[in-house]
Structures are given as C-alpha cells and as structure tokens.
C-alpha cells in the first residue's frame, strides 16, 4: 500500500505587496483628505474606512498574505499616529502661552 502525500496549501499573495499597496493608498488618502478630515478625526479613522474593505476583499480572493501585509501596514501607521498625537498633546499641555 502506498502512502498518501500530505496536501500542502501555499499562501497566495505576498506580505510585501500588501504593505506597498497599503502605503500607496495611505499616502494618497492623506494627501486628498488632509485639509478636511485629519484635523477632526485623525488618519486612524480614515484609514479604517478603506483598510477593512480591502483586507476583506483580498481574503475573499484568497490572497491571505497580501491581506496580512495590509494589516501590518495599518498597524504601523496607527502606532505612528498614536505616537505623534501623544507627543503633540504632551507638548501642548506643558506649553506656557503667556
């Protein structure tokens, strides 16, 4: 009796592609919406508006690695955004305006 070979499932897409797509969209959306949205909502909420549908779309197409790259990119942008807001708030709270 012959042994059956295990089925190997290879991930489709690439993490690098997801990160690059995410960065390109982030820059584009930031440039277009910066004067209107960022002062009120910040880049994080705007980013969620396009990251979630894109990740779902890539997963539906079976490109799990690309979706993973987009999540990584979104997490890095969110951490940078939180850091910048933290520095800004701490800097302004210690400022003396008189």
N, C-alpha and C. Protein backbone atom coordinates (compact mmCIF):
# COMPACT_ATOMS: atom_id res chain seq x y z
N UNK A 1 0.83 -1.16 0.00
CA UNK A 1 0.00 0.00 0.00
C UNK A 1 0.89 1.25 0.00
N UNK A 2 0.55 2.21 -0.82
CA UNK A 2 1.37 3.41 -0.91
C UNK A 2 0.87 4.46 0.07
N UNK A 3 1.81 5.25 0.56
CA UNK A 3 1.46 6.31 1.49
C UNK A 3 0.94 7.52 0.71
N UNK A 4 -0.09 8.13 1.24
CA UNK A 4 -0.60 9.34 0.60
C UNK A 4 0.25 10.54 1.00
N UNK A 5 0.47 11.39 0.03
CA UNK A 5 1.25 12.60 0.29
C UNK A 5 0.34 13.64 0.94
N UNK A 6 0.85 14.36 1.94
CA UNK A 6 0.02 15.41 2.56
C UNK A 6 -0.24 16.54 1.57
N UNK A 7 -1.38 17.13 1.70
CA UNK A 7 -1.73 18.26 0.85
C UNK A 7 -1.08 19.52 1.42
N UNK A 8 -0.31 20.18 0.59
CA UNK A 8 0.38 21.40 1.01
C UNK A 8 -0.37 22.59 0.43
N UNK A 9 -0.82 23.47 1.29
CA UNK A 9 -1.51 24.68 0.86
C UNK A 9 -0.54 25.84 0.97
N UNK A 10 -0.27 26.44 -0.17
CA UNK A 10 0.65 27.58 -0.18
C UNK A 10 -0.15 28.87 -0.12
N UNK A 11 0.30 29.80 0.72
CA UNK A 11 -0.40 31.08 0.79
C UNK A 11 -0.28 31.83 -0.54
N UNK A 12 -1.33 32.54 -0.88
CA UNK A 12 -1.35 33.31 -2.13
C UNK A 12 -1.14 34.78 -1.79
N UNK A 13 -0.48 35.49 -2.71
CA UNK A 13 -0.17 36.90 -2.48
C UNK A 13 1.15 37.04 -1.75
N UNK A 14 1.48 38.25 -1.37
CA UNK A 14 2.70 38.46 -0.61
C UNK A 14 2.51 39.58 0.40
N UNK A 15 3.18 39.45 1.51
CA UNK A 15 3.11 40.46 2.57
C UNK A 15 3.66 41.79 2.05
N UNK A 16 4.75 41.73 1.29
CA UNK A 16 5.35 42.95 0.76
C UNK A 16 4.37 43.69 -0.14
N UNK A 17 3.65 42.95 -0.97
CA UNK A 17 2.67 43.57 -1.86
C UNK A 17 1.59 44.27 -1.05
N UNK A 18 1.13 43.63 0.01
CA UNK A 18 0.11 44.24 0.86
C UNK A 18 0.59 45.50 1.53
N UNK A 19 1.83 45.48 2.03
CA UNK A 19 2.40 46.66 2.68
C UNK A 19 2.53 47.80 1.67
N UNK A 20 3.02 47.50 0.47
CA UNK A 20 3.20 48.55 -0.54
C UNK A 20 1.86 49.11 -1.01
N UNK A 21 0.88 48.24 -1.21
CA UNK A 21 -0.46 48.74 -1.60
C UNK A 21 -1.01 49.63 -0.49
N UNK A 22 -0.88 49.18 0.74
CA UNK A 22 -1.38 49.95 1.88
C UNK A 22 -0.70 51.30 2.00
N UNK A 23 0.62 51.33 1.83
CA UNK A 23 1.34 52.60 1.92
C UNK A 23 0.93 53.55 0.81
N UNK A 24 0.77 53.03 -0.39
CA UNK A 24 0.36 53.87 -1.52
C UNK A 24 -1.02 54.47 -1.26
N UNK A 25 -1.94 53.66 -0.79
CA UNK A 25 -3.29 54.17 -0.53
C UNK A 25 -3.26 55.15 0.65
N UNK A 26 -2.48 54.85 1.68
CA UNK A 26 -2.38 55.77 2.83
C UNK A 26 -1.89 57.14 2.41
N UNK A 27 -0.85 57.17 1.61
CA UNK A 27 -0.31 58.45 1.16
C UNK A 27 -1.34 59.18 0.31
N UNK A 28 -1.96 58.47 -0.62
CA UNK A 28 -2.97 59.11 -1.47
C UNK A 28 -4.15 59.65 -0.69
N UNK A 29 -4.67 58.86 0.21
CA UNK A 29 -5.82 59.29 1.01
C UNK A 29 -5.41 60.46 1.92
N UNK A 30 -4.22 60.42 2.47
CA UNK A 30 -3.76 61.50 3.35
C UNK A 30 -3.63 62.82 2.60
N UNK A 31 -3.12 62.75 1.39
CA UNK A 31 -2.97 63.97 0.60
C UNK A 31 -4.33 64.56 0.24
N UNK A 32 -5.26 63.71 -0.13
CA UNK A 32 -6.57 64.19 -0.57
C UNK A 32 -7.40 64.70 0.62
N UNK A 33 -7.37 63.99 1.74
CA UNK A 33 -8.26 64.33 2.85
C UNK A 33 -7.60 65.14 3.96
N UNK A 34 -6.32 65.42 3.87
CA UNK A 34 -5.61 66.10 4.95
C UNK A 34 -6.24 67.42 5.37
N UNK A 35 -6.56 68.31 4.46
CA UNK A 35 -7.10 69.59 4.92
C UNK A 35 -8.49 69.50 5.53
N UNK A 36 -9.23 68.47 5.17
CA UNK A 36 -10.63 68.39 5.60
C UNK A 36 -10.80 67.51 6.84
N UNK A 37 -10.26 66.30 6.79
CA UNK A 37 -10.61 65.27 7.77
C UNK A 37 -9.62 65.17 8.91
N UNK A 38 -8.35 65.24 8.64
CA UNK A 38 -7.34 64.95 9.66
C UNK A 38 -7.45 65.87 10.88
N UNK A 39 -7.72 67.16 10.73
CA UNK A 39 -7.84 67.96 11.96
C UNK A 39 -8.97 67.51 12.89
N UNK A 40 -9.98 66.89 12.32
CA UNK A 40 -11.13 66.49 13.13
C UNK A 40 -11.09 65.04 13.57
N UNK A 41 -10.71 64.13 12.71
CA UNK A 41 -10.79 62.70 13.01
C UNK A 41 -9.43 62.01 13.13
N UNK A 42 -8.41 62.56 12.54
CA UNK A 42 -7.13 61.88 12.53
C UNK A 42 -7.07 60.86 11.41
N UNK A 43 -5.88 60.44 11.09
CA UNK A 43 -5.70 59.49 9.99
C UNK A 43 -6.23 58.10 10.34
N UNK A 44 -6.33 57.77 11.62
CA UNK A 44 -6.74 56.43 12.01
C UNK A 44 -8.13 56.05 11.57
N UNK A 45 -9.10 56.93 11.76
CA UNK A 45 -10.47 56.62 11.36
C UNK A 45 -10.62 56.59 9.85
N UNK A 46 -9.92 57.47 9.17
CA UNK A 46 -9.95 57.48 7.71
C UNK A 46 -9.33 56.19 7.19
N UNK A 47 -8.26 55.75 7.83
CA UNK A 47 -7.59 54.53 7.39
C UNK A 47 -8.50 53.32 7.57
N UNK A 48 -9.22 53.25 8.67
CA UNK A 48 -10.13 52.13 8.88
C UNK A 48 -11.19 52.04 7.79
N UNK A 49 -11.58 53.19 7.26
CA UNK A 49 -12.62 53.21 6.24
C UNK A 49 -12.21 52.48 4.97
N UNK A 50 -10.91 52.43 4.66
CA UNK A 50 -10.50 51.70 3.47
C UNK A 50 -9.74 50.42 3.77
N UNK A 51 -9.10 50.29 4.93
CA UNK A 51 -8.33 49.07 5.21
C UNK A 51 -9.25 47.86 5.39
N UNK A 52 -10.31 48.02 6.14
CA UNK A 52 -11.19 46.88 6.41
C UNK A 52 -11.78 46.30 5.11
N UNK A 53 -12.35 47.13 4.22
CA UNK A 53 -12.86 46.55 2.97
C UNK A 53 -11.78 45.92 2.10
N UNK A 54 -10.59 46.54 2.06
CA UNK A 54 -9.51 45.98 1.24
C UNK A 54 -9.04 44.63 1.77
N UNK A 55 -8.88 44.52 3.09
CA UNK A 55 -8.46 43.25 3.69
C UNK A 55 -9.51 42.18 3.42
N UNK A 56 -10.77 42.52 3.59
CA UNK A 56 -11.84 41.55 3.32
C UNK A 56 -11.83 41.12 1.85
N UNK A 57 -11.58 42.07 0.95
CA UNK A 57 -11.54 41.77 -0.47
C UNK A 57 -10.39 40.81 -0.79
N UNK A 58 -9.19 41.07 -0.26
CA UNK A 58 -8.06 40.20 -0.53
C UNK A 58 -8.27 38.81 0.07
N UNK A 59 -8.85 38.75 1.25
CA UNK A 59 -9.12 37.44 1.85
C UNK A 59 -10.16 36.67 1.04
N UNK A 60 -11.17 37.37 0.54
CA UNK A 60 -12.19 36.71 -0.27
C UNK A 60 -11.57 36.15 -1.54
N UNK A 61 -10.60 36.86 -2.13
CA UNK A 61 -9.92 36.38 -3.33
C UNK A 61 -8.88 35.31 -3.02
N UNK A 62 -8.65 35.04 -1.73
CA UNK A 62 -7.68 34.02 -1.34
C UNK A 62 -6.26 34.53 -1.18
N UNK A 63 -6.06 35.82 -1.28
CA UNK A 63 -4.72 36.40 -1.13
C UNK A 63 -4.49 36.76 0.33
N UNK A 64 -4.32 35.73 1.14
CA UNK A 64 -4.20 35.94 2.58
C UNK A 64 -2.92 36.66 2.97
N UNK A 65 -1.86 36.42 2.26
CA UNK A 65 -0.59 37.09 2.58
C UNK A 65 -0.66 38.59 2.27
N UNK A 66 -1.31 38.95 1.19
CA UNK A 66 -1.48 40.36 0.85
C UNK A 66 -2.33 41.05 1.92
N UNK A 67 -3.39 40.37 2.34
CA UNK A 67 -4.23 40.92 3.41
C UNK A 67 -3.42 41.11 4.69
N UNK A 68 -2.56 40.16 4.98
CA UNK A 68 -1.70 40.24 6.16
C UNK A 68 -0.78 41.46 6.07
N UNK A 69 -0.22 41.72 4.91
CA UNK A 69 0.64 42.89 4.71
C UNK A 69 -0.11 44.19 4.92
N UNK A 70 -1.37 44.23 4.48
CA UNK A 70 -2.16 45.44 4.68
C UNK A 70 -2.45 45.66 6.15
N UNK A 71 -2.68 44.59 6.90
CA UNK A 71 -2.92 44.72 8.35
C UNK A 71 -1.65 45.21 9.04
N UNK A 72 -0.51 44.69 8.64
CA UNK A 72 0.77 45.13 9.21
C UNK A 72 0.98 46.61 8.95
N UNK A 73 0.75 47.03 7.72
CA UNK A 73 0.92 48.44 7.37
C UNK A 73 -0.03 49.31 8.17
N UNK A 74 -1.27 48.89 8.31
CA UNK A 74 -2.25 49.67 9.06
C UNK A 74 -1.86 49.78 10.53
N UNK A 75 -1.31 48.71 11.09
CA UNK A 75 -0.88 48.73 12.49
C UNK A 75 0.29 49.69 12.69
N UNK A 76 1.23 49.69 11.75
CA UNK A 76 2.39 50.59 11.86
C UNK A 76 1.93 52.05 11.76
N UNK A 77 1.05 52.35 10.82
CA UNK A 77 0.54 53.72 10.68
C UNK A 77 -0.23 54.13 11.94
N UNK A 78 -1.02 53.22 12.50
CA UNK A 78 -1.78 53.54 13.72
C UNK A 78 -0.84 53.83 14.89
N UNK A 79 0.24 53.05 15.01
CA UNK A 79 1.20 53.30 16.09
C UNK A 79 1.92 54.63 15.90
N UNK A 80 2.30 54.95 14.67
CA UNK A 80 2.94 56.23 14.40
C UNK A 80 1.97 57.38 14.68
N UNK A 81 0.72 57.21 14.30
CA UNK A 81 -0.29 58.23 14.55
C UNK A 81 -0.47 58.46 16.05
N UNK A 82 -0.59 57.38 16.81
CA UNK A 82 -0.76 57.50 18.26
C UNK A 82 0.46 58.17 18.90
N UNK A 83 1.64 57.84 18.42
CA UNK A 83 2.86 58.45 18.94
C UNK A 83 2.88 59.95 18.67
N UNK A 84 2.54 60.32 17.44
CA UNK A 84 2.54 61.75 17.10
C UNK A 84 1.52 62.53 17.91
N UNK A 85 0.30 61.97 18.07
CA UNK A 85 -0.71 62.65 18.87
C UNK A 85 -0.27 62.74 20.33
N UNK A 86 0.38 61.68 20.84
CA UNK A 86 0.86 61.71 22.22
C UNK A 86 1.90 62.79 22.43
N UNK A 87 2.84 62.89 21.51
CA UNK A 87 3.87 63.92 21.61
C UNK A 87 3.24 65.31 21.52
N UNK A 88 2.29 65.48 20.61
CA UNK A 88 1.63 66.77 20.45
C UNK A 88 0.85 67.16 21.71
N UNK A 89 0.09 66.24 22.26
CA UNK A 89 -0.70 66.55 23.45
C UNK A 89 0.19 66.84 24.66
N UNK A 90 1.21 66.04 24.86
CA UNK A 90 2.13 66.28 25.99
C UNK A 90 2.86 67.60 25.79
N UNK A 91 3.27 67.89 24.57
CA UNK A 91 3.98 69.14 24.29
C UNK A 91 3.10 70.35 24.54
N UNK A 92 1.84 70.26 24.13
CA UNK A 92 0.94 71.40 24.35
C UNK A 92 0.50 71.54 25.80
N UNK A 93 0.43 70.42 26.52
CA UNK A 93 0.00 70.52 27.91
C UNK A 93 1.08 71.16 28.79
N UNK A 94 2.32 71.07 28.37
CA UNK A 94 3.41 71.67 29.14
C UNK A 94 3.78 73.05 28.62
N UNK A 95 3.12 73.51 27.59
CA UNK A 95 3.46 74.79 26.99
C UNK A 95 2.87 75.94 27.82
N UNK A 96 3.62 77.00 27.84
CA UNK A 96 3.14 78.20 28.52
C UNK A 96 2.90 79.25 27.45
N UNK A 97 1.65 79.69 27.34
CA UNK A 97 1.28 80.63 26.29
C UNK A 97 1.16 82.07 26.78
N UNK A 98 1.72 82.42 27.94
CA UNK A 98 1.64 83.80 28.38
C UNK A 98 2.99 84.46 28.38
